[in-house]
Amino acid sequence: MSERDIRIGDAEREQALELLGTHLGEGRLSVDEYGERSARVATAKTRGDLYGLFSDLPAPRPRFTQVEPLVTPDTTVRRTFQLDPRATGTVVMAVALLSVLLFFVVKTPFVFLFIPAAMLLVGRMGRR
């Protein structure tokens, strides 16, 4: 398995959103591009998915640690609540579309901050 195929978690998605915000603030991304890429961050599953979002941007880019999973026979994974990945993507896309509509109504780019906020809330719900 290559490094690009390693699955990512919420921490990596949050870091990618922060870095996209940096590029937006420095004028490398338009508000529309930021909205599109933020929505794609929400549905990213692997490091390669995130690398693709930053391929045409200079540093800063996402950095990943080299962590080997520790698996022992008596390790049990217990999840009491898990969101369907399709539902997560649907919620974030709905918020993205709502943000675009709100942008045309209120004429401020700050409505696009709802996209990462929705992604973080949905991600935190999935961890409970």
C-alpha atoms as a PDB file:
ATOM      1  CA  MET A   1       0.000   0.000   0.000  1.00  0.00           C
ATOM      2  CA  SER A   2       1.377   3.422  -0.932  1.00  0.00           C
ATOM      3  CA  GLU A   3       1.299   6.463   1.313  1.00  0.00           C
ATOM      4  CA  ARG A   4      -1.430   8.013  -0.855  1.00  0.00           C
ATOM      5  CA  ASP A   5      -3.746   5.078  -0.028  1.00  0.00           C
ATOM      6  CA  ILE A   6      -3.579   5.538   3.754  1.00  0.00           C
ATOM      7  CA  ARG A   7      -6.925   6.574   5.181  1.00  0.00           C
ATOM      8  CA  ILE A   8      -7.256   9.890   6.991  1.00  0.00           C
ATOM      9  CA  GLY A   9      -9.234  11.016  10.026  1.00  0.00           C
ATOM     10  CA  ASP A  10     -10.951  14.127  11.284  1.00  0.00           C
ATOM     11  CA  ALA A  11      -7.695  15.699  12.490  1.00  0.00           C
ATOM     12  CA  GLU A  12      -6.230  15.552   8.982  1.00  0.00           C
ATOM     13  CA  ARG A  13      -9.424  16.994   7.496  1.00  0.00           C
ATOM     14  CA  GLU A  14      -9.399  19.851  10.029  1.00  0.00           C
ATOM     15  CA  GLN A  15      -5.753  20.600   9.184  1.00  0.00           C
ATOM     16  CA  ALA A  16      -6.578  20.648   5.456  1.00  0.00           C
ATOM     17  CA  LEU A  17      -9.453  23.087   6.055  1.00  0.00           C
ATOM     18  CA  GLU A  18      -7.168  25.399   8.020  1.00  0.00           C
ATOM     19  CA  LEU A  19      -4.595  25.317   5.220  1.00  0.00           C
ATOM     20  CA  LEU A  20      -7.247  26.046   2.599  1.00  0.00           C
ATOM     21  CA  GLY A  21      -8.316  29.016   4.732  1.00  0.00           C
ATOM     22  CA  THR A  22      -4.714  30.233   4.683  1.00  0.00           C
ATOM     23  CA  HIS A  23      -4.625  30.036   0.889  1.00  0.00           C
ATOM     24  CA  LEU A  24      -7.984  31.836   0.698  1.00  0.00           C
ATOM     25  CA  GLY A  25      -6.687  34.582   2.975  1.00  0.00           C
ATOM     26  CA  GLU A  26      -3.558  34.995   0.850  1.00  0.00           C
ATOM     27  CA  GLY A  27      -5.622  35.325  -2.328  1.00  0.00           C
ATOM     28  CA  ARG A  28      -4.547  32.058  -3.977  1.00  0.00           C
ATOM     29  CA  LEU A  29      -8.098  30.720  -3.966  1.00  0.00           C
ATOM     30  CA  SER A  30     -11.336  32.443  -4.859  1.00  0.00           C
ATOM     31  CA  VAL A  31     -14.294  32.064  -2.530  1.00  0.00           C
ATOM     32  CA  ASP A  32     -15.910  29.633  -4.975  1.00  0.00           C
ATOM     33  CA  GLU A  33     -12.759  27.498  -5.194  1.00  0.00           C
ATOM     34  CA  TYR A  34     -12.500  27.499  -1.407  1.00  0.00           C
ATOM     35  CA  GLY A  35     -16.101  26.306  -1.128  1.00  0.00           C
ATOM     36  CA  GLU A  36     -15.574  23.522  -3.668  1.00  0.00           C
ATOM     37  CA  ARG A  37     -12.338  22.322  -2.106  1.00  0.00           C
ATOM     38  CA  SER A  38     -13.767  22.504   1.423  1.00  0.00           C
ATOM     39  CA  ALA A  39     -16.646  20.278   0.367  1.00  0.00           C
ATOM     40  CA  ARG A  40     -14.159  17.812  -1.159  1.00  0.00           C
ATOM     41  CA  VAL A  41     -12.143  17.814   2.079  1.00  0.00           C
ATOM     42  CA  ALA A  42     -15.275  16.677   3.897  1.00  0.00           C
ATOM     43  CA  THR A  43     -15.576  13.603   1.682  1.00  0.00           C
ATOM     44  CA  ALA A  44     -11.841  12.825   1.442  1.00  0.00           C
ATOM     45  CA  LYS A  45     -10.958   9.315   2.579  1.00  0.00           C
ATOM     46  CA  THR A  46      -7.227   8.996   1.831  1.00  0.00           C
ATOM     47  CA  ARG A  47      -4.082  11.105   1.939  1.00  0.00           C
ATOM     48  CA  GLY A  48      -4.092  11.076  -1.850  1.00  0.00           C
ATOM     49  CA  ASP A  49      -7.508  12.769  -1.856  1.00  0.00           C
ATOM     50  CA  LEU A  50      -6.057  15.642   0.178  1.00  0.00           C
ATOM     51  CA  TYR A  51      -2.834  15.799  -1.828  1.00  0.00           C
ATOM     52  CA  GLY A  52      -4.924  16.308  -4.963  1.00  0.00           C
ATOM     53  CA  LEU A  53      -6.614  19.376  -3.465  1.00  0.00           C
ATOM     54  CA  PHE A  54      -3.253  21.049  -2.874  1.00  0.00           C
ATOM     55  CA  SER A  55      -1.393  19.937  -6.011  1.00  0.00           C
ATOM     56  CA  ASP A  56      -1.610  23.370  -7.669  1.00  0.00           C
ATOM     57  CA  LEU A  57      -0.894  25.353  -4.481  1.00  0.00           C
ATOM     58  CA  PRO A  58       2.449  26.236  -2.894  1.00  0.00           C
ATOM     59  CA  ALA A  59       3.246  25.551   0.761  1.00  0.00           C
ATOM     60  CA  PRO A  60       1.663  25.195   3.255  1.00  0.00           C
ATOM     61  CA  ARG A  61       0.360  21.745   2.391  1.00  0.00           C
ATOM     62  CA  PRO A  62      -0.947  18.940   4.592  1.00  0.00           C
ATOM     63  CA  ARG A  63       1.689  16.993   6.487  1.00  0.00           C
ATOM     64  CA  PHE A  64       1.120  13.532   7.809  1.00  0.00           C
ATOM     65  CA  THR A  65       2.930  11.668  10.529  1.00  0.00           C
ATOM     66  CA  GLN A  66       4.365   8.214   9.964  1.00  0.00           C
ATOM     67  CA  VAL A  67       2.339   6.211  12.443  1.00  0.00           C
ATOM     68  CA  GLU A  68       2.194   2.453  12.446  1.00  0.00           C
ATOM     69  CA  PRO A  69      -1.033   1.125  13.942  1.00  0.00           C
ATOM     70  CA  LEU A  70      -0.646  -0.973  17.052  1.00  0.00           C
ATOM     71  CA  VAL A  71      -2.927  -3.972  16.785  1.00  0.00           C
ATOM     72  CA  THR A  72      -2.971  -6.657  19.436  1.00  0.00           C
ATOM     73  CA  PRO A  73      -5.298  -9.645  19.622  1.00  0.00           C
ATOM     74  CA  ASP A  74      -7.112  -8.259  22.662  1.00  0.00           C
ATOM     75  CA  THR A  75      -7.681  -4.796  21.140  1.00  0.00           C
ATOM     76  CA  THR A  76     -11.361  -4.100  20.629  1.00  0.00           C
ATOM     77  CA  VAL A  77     -12.842  -1.210  18.730  1.00  0.00           C
ATOM     78  CA  ARG A  78     -16.161  -0.034  20.008  1.00  0.00           C
ATOM     79  CA  ARG A  79     -18.313   2.553  18.296  1.00  0.00           C
ATOM     80  CA  THR A  80     -21.651   3.437  19.747  1.00  0.00           C
ATOM     81  CA  PHE A  81     -22.713   5.772  16.960  1.00  0.00           C
ATOM     82  CA  GLN A  82     -21.525   5.906  13.383  1.00  0.00           C
ATOM     83  CA  LEU A  83     -22.721   8.162  10.589  1.00  0.00           C
ATOM     84  CA  ASP A  84     -23.173   6.808   7.102  1.00  0.00           C
ATOM     85  CA  PRO A  85     -20.420   8.375   4.922  1.00  0.00           C
ATOM     86  CA  ARG A  86     -22.979   9.161   2.224  1.00  0.00           C
ATOM     87  CA  ALA A  87     -25.076  11.078   4.761  1.00  0.00           C
ATOM     88  CA  THR A  88     -22.018  13.058   5.832  1.00  0.00           C
ATOM     89  CA  GLY A  89     -21.254  14.045   2.257  1.00  0.00           C
ATOM     90  CA  THR A  90     -24.888  14.908   1.630  1.00  0.00           C
ATOM     91  CA  VAL A  91     -25.062  17.167   4.676  1.00  0.00           C
ATOM     92  CA  VAL A  92     -21.872  19.006   3.752  1.00  0.00           C
ATOM     93  CA  MET A  93     -22.956  19.403   0.105  1.00  0.00           C
ATOM     94  CA  ALA A  94     -26.332  20.745   1.246  1.00  0.00           C
ATOM     95  CA  VAL A  95     -24.578  23.280   3.473  1.00  0.00           C
ATOM     96  CA  ALA A  96     -22.281  24.207   0.562  1.00  0.00           C
ATOM     97  CA  LEU A  97     -25.259  24.852  -1.713  1.00  0.00           C
ATOM     98  CA  LEU A  98     -27.019  26.801   1.018  1.00  0.00           C
ATOM     99  CA  SER A  99     -23.854  28.873   1.478  1.00  0.00           C
ATOM    100  CA  VAL A 100     -23.772  29.729  -2.232  1.00  0.00           C
ATOM    101  CA  LEU A 101     -27.416  30.805  -2.103  1.00  0.00           C
ATOM    102  CA  LEU A 102     -26.810  32.865   1.034  1.00  0.00           C
ATOM    103  CA  PHE A 103     -23.798  34.461  -0.632  1.00  0.00           C
ATOM    104  CA  PHE A 104     -26.025  35.872  -3.368  1.00  0.00           C
ATOM    105  CA  VAL A 105     -28.545  37.104  -0.809  1.00  0.00           C
ATOM    106  CA  VAL A 106     -26.277  38.722   1.791  1.00  0.00           C
ATOM    107  CA  LYS A 107     -23.281  39.473  -0.517  1.00  0.00           C
ATOM    108  CA  THR A 108     -20.581  38.468   1.974  1.00  0.00           C
ATOM    109  CA  PRO A 109     -18.031  35.669   1.519  1.00  0.00           C
ATOM    110  CA  PHE A 110     -18.181  34.817   5.213  1.00  0.00           C
ATOM    111  CA  VAL A 111     -21.193  32.564   4.593  1.00  0.00           C
ATOM    112  CA  PHE A 112     -18.756  30.021   3.126  1.00  0.00           C
ATOM    113  CA  LEU A 113     -17.421  29.458   6.639  1.00  0.00           C
ATOM    114  CA  PHE A 114     -20.571  27.431   7.245  1.00  0.00           C
ATOM    115  CA  ILE A 115     -19.051  24.639   5.115  1.00  0.00           C
ATOM    116  CA  PRO A 116     -16.098  23.796   7.388  1.00  0.00           C
ATOM    117  CA  ALA A 117     -18.282  24.410  10.446  1.00  0.00           C
ATOM    118  CA  ALA A 118     -20.811  21.848   9.205  1.00  0.00           C
ATOM    119  CA  MET A 119     -18.027  19.408   8.411  1.00  0.00           C
ATOM    120  CA  LEU A 120     -16.579  19.733  11.904  1.00  0.00           C
ATOM    121  CA  LEU A 121     -19.986  19.303  13.550  1.00  0.00           C
ATOM    122  CA  VAL A 122     -20.840  16.257  11.471  1.00  0.00           C
ATOM    123  CA  GLY A 123     -17.391  14.811  12.145  1.00  0.00           C
ATOM    124  CA  ARG A 124     -17.745  15.294  15.878  1.00  0.00           C
ATOM    125  CA  MET A 125     -21.191  13.660  15.833  1.00  0.00           C
ATOM    126  CA  GLY A 126     -19.640  10.619  14.183  1.00  0.00           C
ATOM    127  CA  ARG A 127     -17.094  10.257  16.995  1.00  0.00           C
ATOM    128  CA  ARG A 128     -19.690   9.963  19.762  1.00  0.00           C
END
